[in-house]
C-alpha atoms as a PDB file:
ATOM      1  CA  MET A   1      51.228  43.053  78.516  1.00  0.00           C
ATOM      2  CA  ALA A   2      49.066  39.952  77.902  1.00  0.00           C
ATOM      3  CA  LEU A   3      45.469  40.407  77.226  1.00  0.00           C
ATOM      4  CA  ARG A   4      43.127  40.389  80.183  1.00  0.00           C
ATOM      5  CA  ALA A   5      40.067  38.154  80.683  1.00  0.00           C
ATOM      6  CA  LEU A   6      37.669  38.903  83.487  1.00  0.00           C
ATOM      7  CA  THR A   7      34.869  36.577  84.551  1.00  0.00           C
ATOM      8  CA  GLY A   8      32.373  37.232  87.241  1.00  0.00           C
ATOM      9  CA  ILE A   9      30.548  34.589  89.018  1.00  0.00           C
ATOM     10  CA  LYS A  10      27.165  35.140  90.789  1.00  0.00           C
ATOM     11  CA  PRO A  11      26.727  33.274  93.975  1.00  0.00           C
ATOM     12  CA  THR A  12      23.037  32.429  93.618  1.00  0.00           C
ATOM     13  CA  GLY A  13      22.937  28.605  94.627  1.00  0.00           C
ATOM     14  CA  GLU A  14      24.364  25.205  94.400  1.00  0.00           C
ATOM     15  CA  PRO A  15      26.585  24.789  91.181  1.00  0.00           C
ATOM     16  CA  HIS A  16      25.330  22.078  88.911  1.00  0.00           C
ATOM     17  CA  ILE A  17      26.582  20.047  86.014  1.00  0.00           C
ATOM     18  CA  GLY A  18      25.574  22.755  83.612  1.00  0.00           C
ATOM     19  CA  ASN A  19      27.436  25.396  85.437  1.00  0.00           C
ATOM     20  CA  TRP A  20      30.584  23.030  85.467  1.00  0.00           C
ATOM     21  CA  LEU A  21      30.458  22.127  81.772  1.00  0.00           C
ATOM     22  CA  GLY A  22      28.962  25.346  80.401  1.00  0.00           C
ATOM     23  CA  ALA A  23      30.888  27.995  82.457  1.00  0.00           C
ATOM     24  CA  ILE A  24      33.450  26.868  84.825  1.00  0.00           C
ATOM     25  CA  LYS A  25      35.610  24.678  82.595  1.00  0.00           C
ATOM     26  CA  PRO A  26      35.723  27.274  79.701  1.00  0.00           C
ATOM     27  CA  ALA A  27      36.404  30.143  82.182  1.00  0.00           C
ATOM     28  CA  LEU A  28      39.266  28.239  83.702  1.00  0.00           C
ATOM     29  CA  ALA A  29      40.725  27.332  80.437  1.00  0.00           C
ATOM     30  CA  LEU A  30      41.346  31.065  79.668  1.00  0.00           C
ATOM     31  CA  ALA A  31      44.180  31.067  82.148  1.00  0.00           C
ATOM     32  CA  SER A  32      46.357  29.350  79.493  1.00  0.00           C
ATOM     33  CA  THR A  33      46.228  32.251  77.171  1.00  0.00           C
ATOM     34  CA  TYR A  34      45.191  35.338  79.094  1.00  0.00           C
ATOM     35  CA  ASP A  35      45.865  37.091  82.364  1.00  0.00           C
ATOM     36  CA  THR A  36      42.809  36.114  84.108  1.00  0.00           C
ATOM     37  CA  PHE A  37      40.668  37.811  86.751  1.00  0.00           C
ATOM     38  CA  TYR A  38      37.823  35.946  88.409  1.00  0.00           C
ATOM     39  CA  PHE A  39      35.616  37.503  90.884  1.00  0.00           C
ATOM     40  CA  ILE A  40      32.579  36.564  93.122  1.00  0.00           C
ATOM     41  CA  ALA A  41      29.765  38.890  92.165  1.00  0.00           C
ATOM     42  CA  ASP A  42      28.072  38.907  95.694  1.00  0.00           C
ATOM     43  CA  TYR A  43      26.625  42.548  95.213  1.00  0.00           C
ATOM     44  CA  HIS A  44      25.077  41.487  92.004  1.00  0.00           C
ATOM     45  CA  ALA A  45      23.512  38.644  93.800  1.00  0.00           C
ATOM     46  CA  LEU A  46      21.909  40.997  96.173  1.00  0.00           C
ATOM     47  CA  ASN A  47      19.403  41.578  93.654  1.00  0.00           C
ATOM     48  CA  ILE A  48      17.884  38.237  94.305  1.00  0.00           C
ATOM     49  CA  ILE A  49      19.102  36.990  97.702  1.00  0.00           C
ATOM     50  CA  TYR A  50      18.015  38.856 100.707  1.00  0.00           C
ATOM     51  CA  ASP A  51      19.068  36.164 103.182  1.00  0.00           C
ATOM     52  CA  ALA A  52      22.309  37.106 104.646  1.00  0.00           C
ATOM     53  CA  GLU A  53      23.466  33.715 105.721  1.00  0.00           C
ATOM     54  CA  ALA A  54      22.705  32.187 102.374  1.00  0.00           C
ATOM     55  CA  LEU A  55      24.624  34.913 100.409  1.00  0.00           C
ATOM     56  CA  ARG A  56      27.761  34.475 102.807  1.00  0.00           C
ATOM     57  CA  LYS A  57      27.597  30.591 102.345  1.00  0.00           C
ATOM     58  CA  ASN A  58      27.022  30.882  98.501  1.00  0.00           C
ATOM     59  CA  SER A  59      30.029  33.142  98.031  1.00  0.00           C
ATOM     60  CA  LEU A  60      32.292  30.712 100.013  1.00  0.00           C
ATOM     61  CA  SER A  61      30.922  27.724  98.141  1.00  0.00           C
ATOM     62  CA  ILE A  62      31.635  29.468  94.801  1.00  0.00           C
ATOM     63  CA  ALA A  63      35.148  30.063  95.887  1.00  0.00           C
ATOM     64  CA  ALA A  64      35.663  26.476  97.026  1.00  0.00           C
ATOM     65  CA  THR A  65      34.087  25.342  93.569  1.00  0.00           C
ATOM     66  CA  TYR A  66      36.490  27.136  91.476  1.00  0.00           C
ATOM     67  CA  LEU A  67      39.505  26.239  93.572  1.00  0.00           C
ATOM     68  CA  ALA A  68      38.355  22.547  93.481  1.00  0.00           C
ATOM     69  CA  PHE A  69      38.263  22.660  89.745  1.00  0.00           C
ATOM     70  CA  GLY A  70      41.755  24.044  89.493  1.00  0.00           C
ATOM     71  CA  LEU A  71      41.724  27.779  89.685  1.00  0.00           C
ATOM     72  CA  ASN A  72      45.285  28.663  90.727  1.00  0.00           C
ATOM     73  CA  PRO A  73      45.260  31.935  92.885  1.00  0.00           C
ATOM     74  CA  SER A  74      48.845  32.370  92.210  1.00  0.00           C
ATOM     75  CA  GLN A  75      48.537  32.392  88.404  1.00  0.00           C
ATOM     76  CA  SER A  76      45.160  34.377  88.343  1.00  0.00           C
ATOM     77  CA  VAL A  77      43.559  37.193  90.546  1.00  0.00           C
ATOM     78  CA  PHE A  78      40.519  35.773  92.413  1.00  0.00           C
ATOM     79  CA  TYR A  79      38.610  38.168  94.675  1.00  0.00           C
ATOM     80  CA  ARG A  80      35.258  39.086  96.063  1.00  0.00           C
ATOM     81  CA  GLN A  81      33.434  41.991  94.408  1.00  0.00           C
ATOM     82  CA  SER A  82      32.408  43.461  97.650  1.00  0.00           C
ATOM     83  CA  ASP A  83      36.069  43.650  98.943  1.00  0.00           C
ATOM     84  CA  ILE A  84      36.946  46.178  96.063  1.00  0.00           C
ATOM     85  CA  PRO A  85      35.472  49.476  97.169  1.00  0.00           C
ATOM     86  CA  GLU A  86      36.861  51.107  93.995  1.00  0.00           C
ATOM     87  CA  VAL A  87      34.136  49.220  91.916  1.00  0.00           C
ATOM     88  CA  PHE A  88      31.472  51.197  93.578  1.00  0.00           C
ATOM     89  CA  GLU A  89      33.078  54.522  93.293  1.00  0.00           C
ATOM     90  CA  LEU A  90      33.617  53.748  89.622  1.00  0.00           C
ATOM     91  CA  ALA A  91      30.016  52.724  89.208  1.00  0.00           C
ATOM     92  CA  TRP A  92      28.968  56.344  90.261  1.00  0.00           C
ATOM     93  CA  ILE A  93      31.411  57.836  87.860  1.00  0.00           C
ATOM     94  CA  LEU A  94      30.132  55.802  84.924  1.00  0.00           C
ATOM     95  CA  ALA A  95      26.375  56.359  86.013  1.00  0.00           C
ATOM     96  CA  CYS A  96      26.991  60.014  85.419  1.00  0.00           C
ATOM     97  CA  PHE A  97      27.858  59.380  81.954  1.00  0.00           C
ATOM     98  CA  THR A  98      25.260  56.777  81.242  1.00  0.00           C
ATOM     99  CA  PRO A  99      22.021  57.870  79.309  1.00  0.00           C
ATOM    100  CA  LYS A 100      18.874  56.738  80.800  1.00  0.00           C
ATOM    101  CA  GLY A 101      17.720  55.605  77.572  1.00  0.00           C
ATOM    102  CA  LEU A 102      20.573  53.130  77.400  1.00  0.00           C
ATOM    103  CA  MET A 103      19.298  51.487  80.744  1.00  0.00           C
ATOM    104  CA  ASN A 104      15.792  51.430  79.341  1.00  0.00           C
ATOM    105  CA  ARG A 105      16.945  49.271  76.306  1.00  0.00           C
ATOM    106  CA  ALA A 106      18.870  46.759  78.678  1.00  0.00           C
ATOM    107  CA  HIS A 107      17.391  43.361  78.279  1.00  0.00           C
ATOM    108  CA  SER A 108      17.041  42.486  81.913  1.00  0.00           C
ATOM    109  CA  TYR A 109      14.897  45.539  82.488  1.00  0.00           C
ATOM    110  CA  LYS A 110      12.904  45.352  79.409  1.00  0.00           C
ATOM    111  CA  ASP A 111      12.327  41.482  80.016  1.00  0.00           C
ATOM    112  CA  ALA A 112      11.068  42.408  83.506  1.00  0.00           C
ATOM    113  CA  VAL A 113       8.788  45.256  82.059  1.00  0.00           C
ATOM    114  CA  ALA A 114       7.343  42.884  79.482  1.00  0.00           C
ATOM    115  CA  LYS A 115       6.573  40.220  82.065  1.00  0.00           C
ATOM    116  CA  ASN A 116       4.774  42.749  84.265  1.00  0.00           C
ATOM    117  CA  MET A 117       2.619  44.125  81.459  1.00  0.00           C
ATOM    118  CA  GLY A 118       1.832  40.584  80.182  1.00  0.00           C
ATOM    119  CA  GLN A 119       0.458  39.869  83.727  1.00  0.00           C
ATOM    120  CA  GLY A 120      -1.625  43.086  83.696  1.00  0.00           C
ATOM    121  CA  LYS A 121       0.711  44.867  86.283  1.00  0.00           C
ATOM    122  CA  ASP A 122       2.339  48.201  86.520  1.00  0.00           C
ATOM    123  CA  PRO A 123       5.403  48.136  84.167  1.00  0.00           C
ATOM    124  CA  ASP A 124       7.743  48.763  86.906  1.00  0.00           C
ATOM    125  CA  HIS A 125       6.111  46.425  89.605  1.00  0.00           C
ATOM    126  CA  ASN A 126       8.946  44.912  91.823  1.00  0.00           C
ATOM    127  CA  ILE A 127      11.754  46.299  89.711  1.00  0.00           C
ATOM    128  CA  ASN A 128      14.266  47.801  91.830  1.00  0.00           C
ATOM    129  CA  MET A 129      17.064  50.267  91.054  1.00  0.00           C
ATOM    130  CA  GLY A 130      19.709  47.374  91.550  1.00  0.00           C
ATOM    131  CA  LEU A 131      18.031  45.644  88.578  1.00  0.00           C
ATOM    132  CA  TYR A 132      17.722  48.782  86.479  1.00  0.00           C
ATOM    133  CA  SER A 133      21.261  49.915  87.080  1.00  0.00           C
ATOM    134  CA  TYR A 134      22.847  46.364  87.107  1.00  0.00           C
ATOM    135  CA  PRO A 135      24.683  47.068  83.678  1.00  0.00           C
ATOM    136  CA  VAL A 136      26.512  50.022  85.244  1.00  0.00           C
ATOM    137  CA  LEU A 137      27.689  48.061  88.057  1.00  0.00           C
ATOM    138  CA  MET A 138      28.851  45.292  85.670  1.00  0.00           C
ATOM    139  CA  ALA A 139      30.494  47.956  83.516  1.00  0.00           C
ATOM    140  CA  ALA A 140      32.527  49.051  86.610  1.00  0.00           C
ATOM    141  CA  ASP A 141      33.592  45.400  87.227  1.00  0.00           C
ATOM    142  CA  ILE A 142      34.868  45.166  83.713  1.00  0.00           C
ATOM    143  CA  LEU A 143      36.464  48.621  83.155  1.00  0.00           C
ATOM    144  CA  LEU A 144      38.140  48.999  86.608  1.00  0.00           C
ATOM    145  CA  LEU A 145      40.788  46.262  85.851  1.00  0.00           C
ATOM    146  CA  GLY A 146      41.267  46.916  82.100  1.00  0.00           C
ATOM    147  CA  ALA A 147      39.691  43.766  80.731  1.00  0.00           C
ATOM    148  CA  HIS A 148      40.199  43.162  77.236  1.00  0.00           C
ATOM    149  CA  VAL A 149      37.799  40.250  76.924  1.00  0.00           C
ATOM    150  CA  VAL A 150      34.802  39.203  78.964  1.00  0.00           C
ATOM    151  CA  PRO A 151      33.523  35.607  78.444  1.00  0.00           C
ATOM    152  CA  VAL A 152      29.677  35.790  78.521  1.00  0.00           C
ATOM    153  CA  GLY A 153      26.830  33.883  77.221  1.00  0.00           C
ATOM    154  CA  ALA A 154      24.931  35.324  74.164  1.00  0.00           C
ATOM    155  CA  ASP A 155      22.324  36.785  76.651  1.00  0.00           C
ATOM    156  CA  GLN A 156      24.926  38.822  78.352  1.00  0.00           C
ATOM    157  CA  LYS A 157      26.660  40.255  75.363  1.00  0.00           C
ATOM    158  CA  GLN A 158      24.756  43.255  75.606  1.00  0.00           C
ATOM    159  CA  HIS A 159      26.137  44.147  79.050  1.00  0.00           C
ATOM    160  CA  VAL A 160      29.701  44.073  77.596  1.00  0.00           C
ATOM    161  CA  GLU A 161      28.528  46.366  74.699  1.00  0.00           C
ATOM    162  CA  ILE A 162      27.007  48.856  77.278  1.00  0.00           C
ATOM    163  CA  ALA A 163      30.268  48.858  79.140  1.00  0.00           C
ATOM    164  CA  ARG A 164      32.108  49.611  75.968  1.00  0.00           C
ATOM    165  CA  ASP A 165      29.745  52.392  74.981  1.00  0.00           C
ATOM    166  CA  ILE A 166      30.013  54.006  78.277  1.00  0.00           C
ATOM    167  CA  ALA A 167      33.854  53.778  78.325  1.00  0.00           C
ATOM    168  CA  GLU A 168      33.896  55.331  74.818  1.00  0.00           C
ATOM    169  CA  ARG A 169      31.801  58.248  75.956  1.00  0.00           C
ATOM    170  CA  ILE A 170      34.204  58.946  78.786  1.00  0.00           C
ATOM    171  CA  ASN A 171      37.339  58.548  76.616  1.00  0.00           C
ATOM    172  CA  HIS A 172      35.838  60.859  74.093  1.00  0.00           C
ATOM    173  CA  ASN A 173      34.801  63.557  76.658  1.00  0.00           C
ATOM    174  CA  TYR A 174      38.183  63.754  78.241  1.00  0.00           C
ATOM    175  CA  GLY A 175      40.135  63.262  74.993  1.00  0.00           C
ATOM    176  CA  GLN A 176      42.269  60.290  76.150  1.00  0.00           C
ATOM    177  CA  ALA A 177      42.061  56.650  76.305  1.00  0.00           C
ATOM    178  CA  LEU A 178      41.337  56.415  80.110  1.00  0.00           C
ATOM    179  CA  PHE A 179      39.537  52.966  79.550  1.00  0.00           C
ATOM    180  CA  THR A 180      40.432  49.762  77.774  1.00  0.00           C
ATOM    181  CA  LEU A 181      37.511  48.979  75.351  1.00  0.00           C
ATOM    182  CA  PRO A 182      36.288  45.396  76.277  1.00  0.00           C
ATOM    183  CA  GLU A 183      35.053  42.759  73.756  1.00  0.00           C
ATOM    184  CA  PRO A 184      32.557  40.029  74.569  1.00  0.00           C
ATOM    185  CA  ARG A 185      33.886  36.498  74.149  1.00  0.00           C
ATOM    186  CA  ILE A 186      31.204  34.078  73.368  1.00  0.00           C
ATOM    187  CA  ASP A 187      32.261  30.395  73.075  1.00  0.00           C
ATOM    188  CA  ASN A 188      30.197  28.922  70.307  1.00  0.00           C
ATOM    189  CA  GLN A 189      31.340  25.528  71.160  1.00  0.00           C
ATOM    190  CA  VAL A 190      29.380  25.580  74.433  1.00  0.00           C
ATOM    191  CA  LYS A 191      26.086  24.015  73.934  1.00  0.00           C
ATOM    192  CA  THR A 192      22.968  24.053  76.091  1.00  0.00           C
ATOM    193  CA  ILE A 193      23.392  21.437  78.892  1.00  0.00           C
ATOM    194  CA  VAL A 194      20.219  19.486  79.135  1.00  0.00           C
ATOM    195  CA  GLY A 195      18.640  18.600  82.447  1.00  0.00           C
ATOM    196  CA  LEU A 196      16.775  15.565  83.868  1.00  0.00           C
ATOM    197  CA  ASP A 197      13.794  16.331  81.693  1.00  0.00           C
ATOM    198  CA  GLY A 198      15.405  17.351  78.440  1.00  0.00           C
ATOM    199  CA  ARG A 199      14.962  21.218  79.002  1.00  0.00           C
ATOM    200  CA  LYS A 200      17.963  23.285  79.683  1.00  0.00           C
ATOM    201  CA  MET A 201      19.497  22.324  83.011  1.00  0.00           C
ATOM    202  CA  SER A 202      18.330  25.063  85.423  1.00  0.00           C
ATOM    203  CA  LYS A 203      17.531  25.569  89.071  1.00  0.00           C
ATOM    204  CA  SER A 204      14.357  27.259  88.060  1.00  0.00           C
ATOM    205  CA  TYR A 205      13.324  24.019  86.315  1.00  0.00           C
ATOM    206  CA  ASP A 206      14.565  21.832  89.347  1.00  0.00           C
ATOM    207  CA  ASN A 207      16.026  19.465  86.793  1.00  0.00           C
ATOM    208  CA  THR A 208      19.689  19.852  87.729  1.00  0.00           C
ATOM    209  CA  ILE A 209      22.455  17.363  88.843  1.00  0.00           C
ATOM    210  CA  PRO A 210      24.445  19.278  91.587  1.00  0.00           C
ATOM    211  CA  VAL A 211      27.961  18.818  90.851  1.00  0.00           C
ATOM    212  CA  PHE A 212      29.319  17.905  94.282  1.00  0.00           C
ATOM    213  CA  LEU A 213      26.815  15.324  95.162  1.00  0.00           C
ATOM    214  CA  ASP A 214      28.240  12.170  96.970  1.00  0.00           C
ATOM    215  CA  GLU A 215      28.179   9.007  94.992  1.00  0.00           C
ATOM    216  CA  LYS A 216      24.854   7.513  96.148  1.00  0.00           C
ATOM    217  CA  PRO A 217      22.868  10.695  95.760  1.00  0.00           C
ATOM    218  CA  LEU A 218      24.491  11.323  92.299  1.00  0.00           C
ATOM    219  CA  SER A 219      23.580   7.807  91.121  1.00  0.00           C
ATOM    220  CA  LYS A 220      19.998   8.461  92.356  1.00  0.00           C
ATOM    221  CA  ARG A 221      19.746  11.685  90.641  1.00  0.00           C
ATOM    222  CA  ILE A 222      20.974  10.261  87.247  1.00  0.00           C
ATOM    223  CA  ASN A 223      18.428   7.509  87.664  1.00  0.00           C
ATOM    224  CA  GLN A 224      15.605  10.285  87.584  1.00  0.00           C
ATOM    225  CA  ILE A 225      16.698  11.229  83.863  1.00  0.00           C
ATOM    226  CA  VAL A 226      13.577  10.797  81.733  1.00  0.00           C
ATOM    227  CA  THR A 227      13.648   7.984  79.136  1.00  0.00           C
ATOM    228  CA  ASN A 228      11.217   6.226  76.666  1.00  0.00           C
ATOM    229  CA  SER A 229       9.732   2.857  77.076  1.00  0.00           C
ATOM    230  CA  GLN A 230      12.113   0.936  74.637  1.00  0.00           C
ATOM    231  CA  THR A 231      13.269  -2.513  75.882  1.00  0.00           C
ATOM    232  CA  PRO A 232      16.990  -3.352  76.319  1.00  0.00           C
ATOM    233  CA  ASP A 233      17.020  -5.217  73.064  1.00  0.00           C
ATOM    234  CA  GLU A 234      15.844  -2.502  70.771  1.00  0.00           C
ATOM    235  CA  PRO A 235      18.402  -0.072  69.088  1.00  0.00           C
ATOM    236  CA  LYS A 236      18.248   3.351  70.433  1.00  0.00           C
ATOM    237  CA  ASP A 237      18.670   6.737  68.822  1.00  0.00           C
ATOM    238  CA  PRO A 238      21.419   8.510  70.893  1.00  0.00           C
ATOM    239  CA  ASP A 239      20.382  11.943  69.584  1.00  0.00           C
ATOM    240  CA  GLN A 240      16.921  11.399  71.264  1.00  0.00           C
ATOM    241  CA  SER A 241      18.426  10.392  74.443  1.00  0.00           C
ATOM    242  CA  PHE A 242      18.979  12.849  77.434  1.00  0.00           C
ATOM    243  CA  ILE A 243      21.268  10.456  78.872  1.00  0.00           C
ATOM    244  CA  PHE A 244      23.530  10.384  75.819  1.00  0.00           C
ATOM    245  CA  ALA A 245      23.362  14.195  75.484  1.00  0.00           C
ATOM    246  CA  LEU A 246      25.081  14.564  78.898  1.00  0.00           C
ATOM    247  CA  HIS A 247      27.339  11.540  78.557  1.00  0.00           C
ATOM    248  CA  LYS A 248      28.833  12.736  75.306  1.00  0.00           C
ATOM    249  CA  LEU A 249      29.963  16.110  76.857  1.00  0.00           C
ATOM    250  CA  LEU A 250      32.474  13.960  78.990  1.00  0.00           C
ATOM    251  CA  LEU A 251      33.963  12.025  76.139  1.00  0.00           C
ATOM    252  CA  SER A 252      36.542  12.508  73.332  1.00  0.00           C
ATOM    253  CA  PRO A 253      35.261  12.352  69.631  1.00  0.00           C
ATOM    254  CA  GLN A 254      36.481   8.819  69.489  1.00  0.00           C
ATOM    255  CA  GLU A 255      34.713   7.796  72.689  1.00  0.00           C
ATOM    256  CA  GLU A 256      31.572   9.563  71.581  1.00  0.00           C
ATOM    257  CA  SER A 257      31.590   7.430  68.519  1.00  0.00           C
ATOM    258  CA  ALA A 258      31.911   4.352  70.374  1.00  0.00           C
ATOM    259  CA  LEU A 259      29.061   5.090  72.738  1.00  0.00           C
ATOM    260  CA  ARG A 260      26.991   6.197  69.777  1.00  0.00           C
ATOM    261  CA  ALA A 261      27.498   2.734  68.044  1.00  0.00           C
ATOM    262  CA  LYS A 262      26.747   1.129  71.302  1.00  0.00           C
ATOM    263  CA  TYR A 263      23.210   2.779  71.497  1.00  0.00           C
ATOM    264  CA  GLN A 264      22.599   1.957  67.836  1.00  0.00           C
ATOM    265  CA  ALA A 265      23.496  -1.724  68.094  1.00  0.00           C
ATOM    266  CA  GLY A 266      20.859  -2.504  70.758  1.00  0.00           C
ATOM    267  CA  GLY A 267      21.352  -4.827  73.630  1.00  0.00           C
ATOM    268  CA  MET A 268      21.862  -2.064  76.238  1.00  0.00           C
ATOM    269  CA  GLY A 269      18.936  -1.044  78.574  1.00  0.00           C
ATOM    270  CA  TRP A 270      18.456   2.542  79.994  1.00  0.00           C
ATOM    271  CA  GLY A 271      19.551   1.275  83.417  1.00  0.00           C
ATOM    272  CA  GLN A 272      22.889   0.423  81.955  1.00  0.00           C
ATOM    273  CA  ALA A 273      23.192   3.606  80.100  1.00  0.00           C
ATOM    274  CA  LYS A 274      22.524   5.560  83.291  1.00  0.00           C
ATOM    275  CA  LYS A 275      24.996   3.485  85.149  1.00  0.00           C
ATOM    276  CA  ASP A 276      27.569   4.140  82.454  1.00  0.00           C
ATOM    277  CA  LEU A 277      26.926   7.903  82.672  1.00  0.00           C
ATOM    278  CA  PHE A 278      27.190   7.753  86.502  1.00  0.00           C
ATOM    279  CA  GLU A 279      30.542   6.075  86.267  1.00  0.00           C
ATOM    280  CA  ALA A 280      31.835   8.660  83.781  1.00  0.00           C
ATOM    281  CA  LEU A 281      30.720  11.540  85.878  1.00  0.00           C
ATOM    282  CA  ASN A 282      31.940  10.110  89.120  1.00  0.00           C
ATOM    283  CA  ALA A 283      35.315   9.492  87.756  1.00  0.00           C
ATOM    284  CA  GLN A 284      35.697  13.055  86.622  1.00  0.00           C
ATOM    285  CA  LEU A 285      34.067  14.609  89.842  1.00  0.00           C
ATOM    286  CA  SER A 286      35.385  12.440  92.674  1.00  0.00           C
ATOM    287  CA  GLY A 287      38.758  14.412  92.793  1.00  0.00           C
ATOM    288  CA  PRO A 288      37.120  17.880  92.713  1.00  0.00           C
ATOM    289  CA  ARG A 289      34.395  16.686  95.194  1.00  0.00           C
ATOM    290  CA  ALA A 290      37.051  15.797  97.822  1.00  0.00           C
ATOM    291  CA  GLU A 291      38.860  19.141  97.101  1.00  0.00           C
ATOM    292  CA  TYR A 292      35.531  21.113  97.627  1.00  0.00           C
ATOM    293  CA  GLN A 293      34.850  19.353 100.792  1.00  0.00           C
ATOM    294  CA  ARG A 294      38.253  20.282 102.014  1.00  0.00           C
ATOM    295  CA  TRP A 295      37.975  23.792 101.243  1.00  0.00           C
ATOM    296  CA  MET A 296      34.518  24.053 102.713  1.00  0.00           C
ATOM    297  CA  ALA A 297      35.707  22.585 105.859  1.00  0.00           C
ATOM    298  CA  ASP A 298      38.397  25.254 106.264  1.00  0.00           C
ATOM    299  CA  PRO A 299      36.729  28.683 105.507  1.00  0.00           C
ATOM    300  CA  GLY A 300      39.758  30.477 107.001  1.00  0.00           C
ATOM    301  CA  ALA A 301      41.775  29.105 104.128  1.00  0.00           C
ATOM    302  CA  LEU A 302      39.232  30.332 101.660  1.00  0.00           C
ATOM    303  CA  GLU A 303      39.171  33.859 103.282  1.00  0.00           C
ATOM    304  CA  LYS A 304      42.987  33.823 103.013  1.00  0.00           C
ATOM    305  CA  VAL A 305      42.957  33.140  99.226  1.00  0.00           C
ATOM    306  CA  LEU A 306      40.174  35.760  98.703  1.00  0.00           C
ATOM    307  CA  GLY A 307      42.072  38.201 100.940  1.00  0.00           C
ATOM    308  CA  GLU A 308      45.221  37.776  98.830  1.00  0.00           C
ATOM    309  CA  GLY A 309      43.261  38.280  95.613  1.00  0.00           C
ATOM    310  CA  ARG A 310      41.637  41.394  97.102  1.00  0.00           C
ATOM    311  CA  ASP A 311      44.958  42.893  97.676  1.00  0.00           C
ATOM    312  CA  LYS A 312      46.281  42.273  94.174  1.00  0.00           C
ATOM    313  CA  ALA A 313      43.023  43.630  92.672  1.00  0.00           C
ATOM    314  CA  ARG A 314      42.896  46.664  94.961  1.00  0.00           C
ATOM    315  CA  ARG A 315      46.518  47.623  94.115  1.00  0.00           C
ATOM    316  CA  GLN A 316      45.667  47.785  90.478  1.00  0.00           C
ATOM    317  CA  ALA A 317      42.218  49.214  91.025  1.00  0.00           C
ATOM    318  CA  SER A 318      43.454  52.155  93.268  1.00  0.00           C
ATOM    319  CA  GLU A 319      46.115  53.043  90.725  1.00  0.00           C
ATOM    320  CA  PHE A 320      43.709  53.125  88.052  1.00  0.00           C
ATOM    321  CA  LEU A 321      41.192  55.254  89.959  1.00  0.00           C
ATOM    322  CA  ILE A 322      43.891  57.807  91.036  1.00  0.00           C
ATOM    323  CA  ARG A 323      44.465  58.451  87.346  1.00  0.00           C
ATOM    324  CA  LEU A 324      40.827  58.607  86.335  1.00  0.00           C
ATOM    325  CA  ARG A 325      39.976  60.870  89.338  1.00  0.00           C
ATOM    326  CA  ASN A 326      42.828  63.200  88.251  1.00  0.00           C
ATOM    327  CA  ALA A 327      41.491  63.261  84.623  1.00  0.00           C
ATOM    328  CA  ILE A 328      37.870  64.129  85.600  1.00  0.00           C
ATOM    329  CA  GLY A 329      38.847  66.773  88.116  1.00  0.00           C
ATOM    330  CA  ILE A 330      38.152  64.851  91.463  1.00  0.00           C
ATOM    331  CA  GLN A 331      41.045  65.359  94.047  1.00  0.00           C
END
């Protein structure tokens, strides 16, 4: 059996260039070497999205985004977390073997407590049990389908380690390898994607370039990238340019070298640099943009794809849960 990779995608808003380059592209590339499972983590998003219509729309948008960028649902298993009730039964089983101290040390909880204390508030102010037990639900996502590797950013590595720790406790307690022990997969080649102002591209900074903007809004957004006051004739340091930092991510090493030389030679204004970036981005995104719009115009087709993925995932999940329930004494 090939190794399995599992990727969860939280539907928290409009995808941007940073999501595409930093998460979507590397996640989809896994399909060439792993049996891949992709799921829309809508119950995880419930921690921060309390608008029902927004959550529904975001979930379909994420599905359309991954399909537009080439996810093949006949090659991979693509499903919505909330369509797999076995996830939530497993989460309770795992919770019964999870020390409270382990949850106390989870980064997401510790960071929220530290922020409250820094503001002179009660340590648990506005911290719900969804946030506190988030790592247990994530462990259920990972362990239910026997994932060997879970691609995550460095800030999510601890969650995979928690899943592994819980799995080892249960395996040891029942004296058998009930769970596959997952490993985090951190792509060190993925660099921070800068936004319009040079900070990390993030919705919280409002410095993003949404990935499916039409041509005119895309050009307008790129024109908002912050530059210095150098004239067109002056040579420019590409490593100090936010435009170059984005543009190089779209290029081969040879193309990057040529663009670097163009900056250093002088004779190119920032307006031309932005125009070049727009043309490069638009060339790569025009096809996926059209596919995204096609999928979003046909929600029934999206639901059909997710339904087929649900059926595939549930077959495997239910078989696993029958074995696990038997092992722990639940009929």
